[in-house]
């Protein structure tokens, strides 16, 4: 009889599973929201709990903590300032999940937080899935051992990753990149400009200094100083800055500090609308660079962090690129200006190269757009369905 009751409980859990998830920043919240679409199509009455943001909550997710509690970046003092708080959240979440025992735990990106949590849950018999393979192929190669110990299955967003993971005995499925389906193959540039109050013939530069507070603090000022330099050379340029609500005031302060505020149109959210509307973008390295590539926009990728953080990252890099468009194309299709190279003057000059190309060498722009279109096709898959199917296989093993 106890065995029958246990079998009945397992059947109920598989029919209407409780799924725990953690997404630690804006991009993870977006990916997790799309994943939830596929999970709910397969299990309409599932429950989903953990740490997440507005995209997840819109899909019925119960957020025990907001996703921005985990939004930190860098090393040493940058993380140590909030280490105790984040560690406390992880310990509380682990205890709560061990009591509740969800059918599966899905860590969405945020590997520094999620892999440790996955390992602890897996040791206690809870199945674990990691969505977005940590970039062990780009840097921190030893992390592959942590992945193997932490997760039953990895959902990969880039096509080359499953074969690399298989070499280390890690089960993985390529599910495509969700953004490749969200972003149209040909964006409505005219409609986006109308929405932002821009003229069809305006020369528009989008400035995206990052979605984390640490990124904005390290990048916004130099990005806006570059805008000032470019504006002096080309007074007709229109600059548009999408800002998440929590960082808008900080972005405005950085713009005011260098006298750029009057030259910028700062909008809350709407990063996809801004990328659709622009001619070229100055953009922080990260997921946003892939979004810009899917919008087929020329870009200048830049990044700057503390000296010590840069030394640690630089020594662990396994390939010459940091920007996702360059990594995926396996060549420098767009410029990267990192650390000391990311001066306002250099950033402005790199933007001018693309502006001049649009006016004098349109074939260069067309060639870049063709590369990005090919990349777009490679990344297009039915991500919610493929991911949900892979998770179902994990639950049934």
Protein backbone atom coordinates (compact mmCIF):
# COMPACT_ATOMS: atom_id res chain seq x y z
CA UNK A 1 0.00 0.00 0.00
CA UNK A 2 2.75 2.53 0.80
CA UNK A 3 4.31 1.70 -2.59
CA UNK A 4 0.99 2.37 -4.32
CA UNK A 5 0.65 5.69 -2.53
CA UNK A 6 4.17 6.65 -3.52
CA UNK A 7 3.50 5.74 -7.16
CA UNK A 8 0.30 7.77 -7.08
CA UNK A 9 2.14 10.77 -5.64
CA UNK A 10 4.80 10.48 -8.35
CA UNK A 11 2.13 10.37 -11.06
CA UNK A 12 0.48 13.51 -9.66
CA UNK A 13 3.84 15.28 -9.52
CA UNK A 14 4.56 14.40 -13.15
CA UNK A 15 1.08 15.50 -14.25
CA UNK A 16 1.19 18.78 -12.35
CA UNK A 17 4.79 19.35 -11.30
CA UNK A 18 6.14 21.99 -8.97
CA UNK A 19 9.12 23.51 -10.73
CA UNK A 20 11.64 25.66 -8.89
CA UNK A 21 13.62 28.24 -10.86
CA UNK A 22 16.23 30.92 -10.26
CA UNK A 23 16.93 33.72 -12.75
CA UNK A 24 19.40 36.27 -11.52
CA UNK A 25 19.19 39.29 -13.82
CA UNK A 26 17.19 40.93 -16.58
CA UNK A 27 18.37 38.65 -19.40
CA UNK A 28 17.79 35.54 -17.27
CA UNK A 29 14.29 36.73 -16.40
CA UNK A 30 13.50 37.05 -20.12
CA UNK A 31 14.86 33.59 -20.91
CA UNK A 32 13.05 32.02 -17.96
CA UNK A 33 9.79 33.69 -18.97
CA UNK A 34 10.01 32.15 -22.44
CA UNK A 35 10.87 28.78 -20.92
CA UNK A 36 7.79 29.00 -18.71
CA UNK A 37 5.67 29.40 -21.85
CA UNK A 38 6.82 25.99 -23.05
CA UNK A 39 6.48 24.39 -19.64
CA UNK A 40 2.91 25.65 -19.20
CA UNK A 41 1.96 24.39 -22.65
CA UNK A 42 3.12 20.92 -21.61
CA UNK A 43 1.84 21.11 -18.00
CA UNK A 44 -0.96 23.74 -17.83
CA UNK A 45 -1.43 23.33 -14.07
CA UNK A 46 2.21 23.37 -13.02
CA UNK A 47 3.37 25.63 -10.21
CA UNK A 48 6.65 27.55 -10.44
CA UNK A 49 8.50 29.14 -7.51
CA UNK A 50 11.88 30.57 -6.61
CA UNK A 51 13.71 33.74 -7.64
CA UNK A 52 12.61 35.69 -10.70
CA UNK A 53 11.57 38.95 -12.26
CA UNK A 54 8.62 40.59 -14.01
CA UNK A 55 8.67 38.39 -17.15
CA UNK A 56 8.38 35.29 -14.96
CA UNK A 57 5.73 36.80 -12.68
CA UNK A 58 3.59 37.64 -15.72
CA UNK A 59 3.46 33.90 -16.36
CA UNK A 60 2.26 33.00 -12.89
CA UNK A 61 5.66 32.51 -11.26
CA UNK A 62 5.74 32.92 -7.47
CA UNK A 63 8.89 34.94 -6.73
CA UNK A 64 10.10 34.36 -3.20
CA UNK A 65 12.84 36.92 -3.90
CA UNK A 66 13.11 39.40 -6.81
CA UNK A 67 15.73 38.61 -9.44
CA UNK A 68 17.63 41.85 -8.93
CA UNK A 69 18.76 40.62 -5.51
CA UNK A 70 21.33 38.54 -7.40
CA UNK A 71 22.42 41.13 -9.96
CA UNK A 72 26.09 41.59 -9.16
CA UNK A 73 29.16 41.47 -11.36
CA UNK A 74 32.90 41.35 -11.00
CA UNK A 75 35.29 39.99 -8.38
CA UNK A 76 36.51 40.65 -4.89
CA UNK A 77 35.18 43.85 -3.32
CA UNK A 78 32.50 44.32 -5.95
CA UNK A 79 30.89 41.02 -4.97
CA UNK A 80 32.06 40.88 -1.36
CA UNK A 81 29.95 43.94 -0.53
CA UNK A 82 26.86 41.77 -1.03
CA UNK A 83 28.30 38.31 -0.50
CA UNK A 84 26.70 37.69 2.88
CA UNK A 85 23.25 38.78 1.66
CA UNK A 86 23.42 36.58 -1.46
CA UNK A 87 24.79 33.61 0.47
CA UNK A 88 21.98 34.04 2.99
CA UNK A 89 19.38 34.02 0.21
CA UNK A 90 20.88 30.88 -1.30
CA UNK A 91 20.92 29.07 2.06
CA UNK A 92 17.32 30.04 2.79
CA UNK A 93 16.22 28.99 -0.69
CA UNK A 94 18.03 25.66 -0.40
CA UNK A 95 16.36 24.89 2.94
CA UNK A 96 12.95 25.83 1.60
CA UNK A 97 13.36 23.70 -1.53
CA UNK A 98 14.61 20.70 0.42
CA UNK A 99 11.44 20.92 2.51
CA UNK A 100 9.13 21.45 -0.48
CA UNK A 101 11.03 19.08 -2.84
CA UNK A 102 10.06 20.34 -6.30
CA UNK A 103 9.95 17.91 -9.23
CA UNK A 104 12.94 19.68 -10.76
CA UNK A 105 15.09 22.72 -10.13
CA UNK A 106 16.02 24.85 -13.16
CA UNK A 107 18.87 27.29 -12.76
CA UNK A 108 18.68 29.94 -15.46
CA UNK A 109 22.17 31.28 -16.17
CA UNK A 110 23.67 32.95 -13.00
CA UNK A 111 26.17 30.07 -12.66
CA UNK A 112 27.99 31.45 -9.61
CA UNK A 113 24.72 31.26 -7.67
CA UNK A 114 22.97 28.37 -9.35
CA UNK A 115 25.64 25.69 -9.75
CA UNK A 116 26.35 25.51 -6.01
CA UNK A 117 22.62 25.36 -5.31
CA UNK A 118 22.06 22.70 -7.97
CA UNK A 119 24.86 20.56 -6.54
CA UNK A 120 23.36 20.70 -3.05
CA UNK A 121 19.86 19.86 -4.29
CA UNK A 122 21.07 17.08 -6.57
CA UNK A 123 22.93 15.44 -3.69
CA UNK A 124 19.58 15.27 -1.89
CA UNK A 125 17.85 13.57 -4.80
CA UNK A 126 16.22 16.58 -6.49
CA UNK A 127 16.64 16.60 -10.27
CA UNK A 128 18.43 19.64 -11.67
CA UNK A 129 18.59 21.34 -15.06
CA UNK A 130 20.77 24.27 -16.01
CA UNK A 131 19.50 26.58 -18.76
CA UNK A 132 22.32 28.43 -20.59
CA UNK A 133 25.61 26.58 -20.45
CA UNK A 134 28.24 28.51 -18.51
CA UNK A 135 30.89 29.80 -20.92
CA UNK A 136 33.55 27.28 -19.93
CA UNK A 137 34.66 27.33 -23.57
CA UNK A 138 35.47 31.05 -23.31
CA UNK A 139 37.09 31.23 -19.87
CA UNK A 140 37.16 29.36 -16.54
CA UNK A 141 37.57 25.98 -18.26
CA UNK A 142 37.70 24.15 -14.91
CA UNK A 143 34.06 25.07 -14.35
CA UNK A 144 33.05 22.09 -16.50
CA UNK A 145 33.76 19.86 -13.50
CA UNK A 146 31.31 21.88 -11.42
CA UNK A 147 28.70 21.59 -14.18
CA UNK A 148 29.08 17.80 -14.23
CA UNK A 149 28.64 17.59 -10.47
CA UNK A 150 25.71 19.99 -10.34
CA UNK A 151 23.24 19.22 -13.08
CA UNK A 152 21.41 16.30 -14.65
CA UNK A 153 20.97 18.11 -17.95
CA UNK A 154 22.09 21.35 -19.62
CA UNK A 155 19.89 23.30 -22.02
CA UNK A 156 22.27 24.94 -24.49
CA UNK A 157 21.52 28.11 -26.43
CA UNK A 158 24.45 27.78 -28.86
CA UNK A 159 24.76 24.88 -31.33
CA UNK A 160 28.38 23.92 -30.62
CA UNK A 161 27.92 23.44 -26.87
CA UNK A 162 26.30 19.94 -26.55
CA UNK A 163 29.22 18.22 -28.28
CA UNK A 164 31.72 19.98 -26.00
CA UNK A 165 29.75 19.00 -22.91
CA UNK A 166 29.39 15.40 -24.15
CA UNK A 167 33.19 15.14 -24.14
CA UNK A 168 32.98 15.59 -20.37
CA UNK A 169 30.09 13.17 -19.86
CA UNK A 170 27.45 15.88 -19.44
CA UNK A 171 24.00 15.38 -21.00
CA UNK A 172 22.88 18.42 -22.97
CA UNK A 173 20.35 19.55 -25.57
CA UNK A 174 20.62 22.41 -28.03
CA UNK A 175 17.36 24.34 -27.74
CA UNK A 176 18.27 27.43 -29.77
CA UNK A 177 18.38 30.95 -28.45
CA UNK A 178 14.92 32.22 -27.43
CA UNK A 179 15.76 35.74 -28.56
CA UNK A 180 16.15 34.52 -32.14
CA UNK A 181 12.40 33.88 -32.20
CA UNK A 182 11.43 37.00 -30.29
CA UNK A 183 13.36 39.36 -32.57
CA UNK A 184 12.05 39.45 -36.16
CA UNK A 185 14.36 38.63 -39.04
CA UNK A 186 13.66 42.11 -40.40
CA UNK A 187 12.89 44.71 -37.75
CA UNK A 188 10.40 47.51 -38.37
CA UNK A 189 12.85 50.39 -38.24
CA UNK A 190 10.34 53.00 -39.38
CA UNK A 191 7.77 51.88 -36.82
CA UNK A 192 10.33 51.89 -34.02
CA UNK A 193 11.40 55.42 -34.92
CA UNK A 194 7.80 56.58 -34.98
CA UNK A 195 7.29 55.09 -31.52
CA UNK A 196 10.34 56.96 -30.20
CA UNK A 197 9.56 60.24 -31.92
CA UNK A 198 12.51 60.00 -34.32
CA UNK A 199 12.46 61.10 -37.94
CA UNK A 200 12.95 58.54 -40.73
CA UNK A 201 16.15 60.27 -41.89
CA UNK A 202 17.69 60.87 -38.45
CA UNK A 203 21.15 59.43 -37.79
CA UNK A 204 20.50 57.45 -34.61
CA UNK A 205 23.06 55.99 -32.21
CA UNK A 206 21.79 53.69 -29.46
CA UNK A 207 23.82 53.66 -26.25
CA UNK A 208 23.47 50.61 -24.00
CA UNK A 209 25.81 50.79 -20.98
CA UNK A 210 24.60 47.55 -19.39
CA UNK A 211 21.79 46.18 -17.28
CA UNK A 212 23.68 45.82 -13.98
CA UNK A 213 24.47 48.62 -11.57
CA UNK A 214 28.19 47.80 -11.66
CA UNK A 215 28.20 47.96 -15.46
CA UNK A 216 26.49 51.34 -15.48
CA UNK A 217 28.95 52.68 -12.92
CA UNK A 218 31.92 51.49 -14.98
CA UNK A 219 30.64 52.26 -18.47
CA UNK A 220 27.96 54.96 -18.56
CA UNK A 221 30.25 57.93 -18.01
CA UNK A 222 32.74 56.95 -20.70
CA UNK A 223 29.91 56.02 -23.11
CA UNK A 224 28.30 59.43 -22.61
CA UNK A 225 31.66 61.18 -22.92
CA UNK A 226 32.02 59.41 -26.26
CA UNK A 227 28.58 60.74 -27.23
CA UNK A 228 29.75 64.27 -26.45
CA UNK A 229 32.84 63.78 -28.64
CA UNK A 230 30.75 62.38 -31.49
CA UNK A 231 28.08 65.07 -31.15
CA UNK A 232 30.69 67.80 -31.52
CA UNK A 233 31.87 66.23 -34.77
CA UNK A 234 28.37 65.40 -36.02
CA UNK A 235 25.79 67.71 -34.40
CA UNK A 236 22.86 66.04 -36.21
CA UNK A 237 23.32 62.67 -34.48
CA UNK A 238 20.46 61.59 -32.21
CA UNK A 239 21.42 59.50 -29.16
CA UNK A 240 18.87 57.19 -27.53
CA UNK A 241 19.51 55.33 -24.27
CA UNK A 242 17.18 52.56 -23.04
CA UNK A 243 17.38 52.31 -19.24
CA UNK A 244 15.83 49.79 -16.91
CA UNK A 245 13.76 51.59 -14.28
CA UNK A 246 16.05 50.76 -11.35
CA UNK A 247 19.08 52.31 -13.09
CA UNK A 248 17.52 55.27 -14.89
CA UNK A 249 18.40 57.81 -12.19
CA UNK A 250 22.01 56.62 -12.12
CA UNK A 251 22.22 56.84 -15.90
CA UNK A 252 20.82 60.36 -15.84
CA UNK A 253 23.39 61.38 -13.20
CA UNK A 254 26.24 60.01 -15.32
CA UNK A 255 24.93 61.87 -18.37
CA UNK A 256 24.61 65.12 -16.42
CA UNK A 257 28.12 64.75 -14.98
CA UNK A 258 29.73 64.98 -18.43
CA UNK A 259 27.34 67.47 -19.97
CA UNK A 260 25.67 64.91 -22.20
CA UNK A 261 22.18 64.95 -20.72
CA UNK A 262 20.79 67.50 -23.16
CA UNK A 263 22.02 65.41 -26.10
CA UNK A 264 20.43 62.14 -24.96
CA UNK A 265 16.94 60.74 -25.22
CA UNK A 266 16.70 58.42 -22.22
CA UNK A 267 13.73 56.06 -22.31
CA UNK A 268 12.60 53.56 -19.70
CA UNK A 269 12.94 50.02 -20.98
CA UNK A 270 12.23 49.61 -24.71
CA UNK A 271 15.71 48.28 -25.51
CA UNK A 272 14.38 46.28 -28.48
CA UNK A 273 12.56 49.31 -29.85
CA UNK A 274 15.74 51.37 -29.53
CA UNK A 275 17.85 48.72 -31.26
CA UNK A 276 15.30 48.44 -34.05
CA UNK A 277 15.35 52.22 -34.52
CA UNK A 278 19.10 52.84 -34.48
CA UNK A 279 21.71 52.93 -37.22
CA UNK A 280 24.57 51.86 -34.96
CA UNK A 281 24.97 51.07 -31.27
CA UNK A 282 27.62 51.55 -28.61
CA UNK A 283 26.98 48.61 -26.34
CA UNK A 284 28.29 46.83 -23.27
CA UNK A 285 29.55 43.29 -23.82
CA UNK A 286 26.88 40.77 -22.83
CA UNK A 287 23.57 39.37 -24.03
CA UNK A 288 22.60 42.77 -25.45
CA UNK A 289 25.29 42.42 -28.12
CA UNK A 290 23.55 39.30 -29.42
CA UNK A 291 20.25 41.19 -29.44
CA UNK A 292 21.91 43.93 -31.51
CA UNK A 293 23.23 41.30 -33.92
CA UNK A 294 19.77 39.78 -34.30
CA UNK A 295 18.51 43.27 -35.14
CA UNK A 296 21.32 43.31 -37.78
CA UNK A 297 22.82 46.51 -36.36
CA UNK A 298 26.48 47.56 -36.64
CA UNK A 299 27.94 47.98 -33.20
CA UNK A 300 30.93 48.92 -31.12
CA UNK A 301 31.33 46.55 -28.16
CA UNK A 302 33.05 47.90 -25.08
CA UNK A 303 33.68 46.91 -21.50
CA UNK A 304 35.48 48.27 -18.47
CA UNK A 305 35.78 46.89 -14.95
CA UNK A 306 38.00 47.33 -11.91
CA UNK A 307 41.70 46.72 -12.48
CA UNK A 308 41.79 43.57 -10.36
CA UNK A 309 38.65 42.13 -12.00
CA UNK A 310 40.19 42.74 -15.42
CA UNK A 311 43.43 40.98 -14.48
CA UNK A 312 41.52 37.92 -13.33
CA UNK A 313 39.31 37.81 -16.42
CA UNK A 314 42.12 38.50 -18.89
CA UNK A 315 44.23 35.62 -17.59
CA UNK A 316 41.37 33.13 -17.88
CA UNK A 317 40.26 34.02 -21.41
CA UNK A 318 40.50 31.06 -23.81
CA UNK A 319 39.78 32.89 -27.06
CA UNK A 320 40.43 36.34 -28.52
CA UNK A 321 36.82 37.57 -28.50
CA UNK A 322 34.50 38.66 -25.69
CA UNK A 323 31.49 39.88 -27.68
CA UNK A 324 28.93 37.20 -28.53
CA UNK A 325 28.59 38.22 -32.21
CA UNK A 326 32.33 37.79 -32.67
CA UNK A 327 32.44 34.54 -30.69
CA UNK A 328 29.63 33.02 -32.74
CA UNK A 329 31.03 34.24 -36.06
CA UNK A 330 34.56 33.20 -34.98
CA UNK A 331 36.03 36.49 -36.17
CA UNK A 332 36.07 40.18 -35.31
CA UNK A 333 33.04 41.20 -37.33
CA UNK A 334 32.56 44.21 -35.02
CA UNK A 335 35.17 46.07 -32.96
CA UNK A 336 35.77 45.39 -29.28
CA UNK A 337 37.28 48.11 -27.12
CA UNK A 338 38.08 46.72 -23.69
CA UNK A 339 39.42 48.22 -20.50
CA UNK A 340 42.11 50.87 -21.21
CA UNK A 341 41.23 50.83 -24.93
CA UNK A 342 37.68 51.97 -24.14
CA UNK A 343 38.43 55.69 -24.06
CA UNK A 344 35.71 58.16 -25.06
CA UNK A 345 37.77 59.27 -28.05
CA UNK A 346 38.35 55.70 -29.26
CA UNK A 347 34.69 54.78 -28.81
CA UNK A 348 33.57 57.84 -30.76
CA UNK A 349 36.07 57.10 -33.54
CA UNK A 350 34.88 53.50 -33.82
CA UNK A 351 31.28 54.67 -34.12
CA UNK A 352 32.28 57.09 -36.86
CA UNK A 353 33.77 54.22 -38.87
CA UNK A 354 30.32 52.58 -39.04
CA UNK A 355 28.60 55.91 -39.74
CA UNK A 356 31.01 56.60 -42.62
CA UNK A 357 30.52 53.06 -43.94
CA UNK A 358 26.75 53.53 -44.06
CA UNK A 359 27.23 56.64 -46.18
CA UNK A 360 30.24 55.68 -48.28
CA UNK A 361 30.59 51.86 -48.21
CA UNK A 362 27.11 50.34 -47.92
CA UNK A 363 28.52 46.97 -49.06
CA UNK A 364 30.37 46.74 -45.74
CA UNK A 365 27.11 47.19 -43.83
CA UNK A 366 25.33 44.70 -46.12
CA UNK A 367 28.06 42.08 -45.56
CA UNK A 368 27.72 42.46 -41.79
CA UNK A 369 23.95 42.19 -41.99
CA UNK A 370 24.28 39.01 -44.07
CA UNK A 371 26.52 37.44 -41.41
CA UNK A 372 24.02 38.37 -38.71
CA UNK A 373 21.11 36.99 -40.76
CA UNK A 374 22.94 33.65 -41.09
CA UNK A 375 23.56 33.67 -37.34
CA UNK A 376 19.88 34.44 -36.73
CA UNK A 377 18.79 31.37 -38.72
CA UNK A 378 21.27 29.14 -36.87
CA UNK A 379 19.86 30.22 -33.51
CA UNK A 380 16.18 29.86 -34.42
CA UNK A 381 14.58 26.82 -32.84
CA UNK A 382 11.32 26.15 -31.03
CA UNK A 383 13.10 26.80 -27.75
CA UNK A 384 10.14 26.52 -25.33
CA UNK A 385 9.02 23.19 -26.83
CA UNK A 386 12.51 21.68 -27.07
CA UNK A 387 13.40 22.77 -23.55
CA UNK A 388 10.14 21.47 -22.10
CA UNK A 389 10.67 18.12 -23.86
CA UNK A 390 14.21 17.81 -22.46
CA UNK A 391 12.94 18.63 -18.96
CA UNK A 392 10.20 16.03 -19.32
CA UNK A 393 12.84 13.44 -20.19
CA UNK A 394 14.75 14.37 -17.03
CA UNK A 395 11.60 13.98 -14.93
CA UNK A 396 10.88 10.55 -16.38
CA UNK A 397 14.34 9.09 -15.72
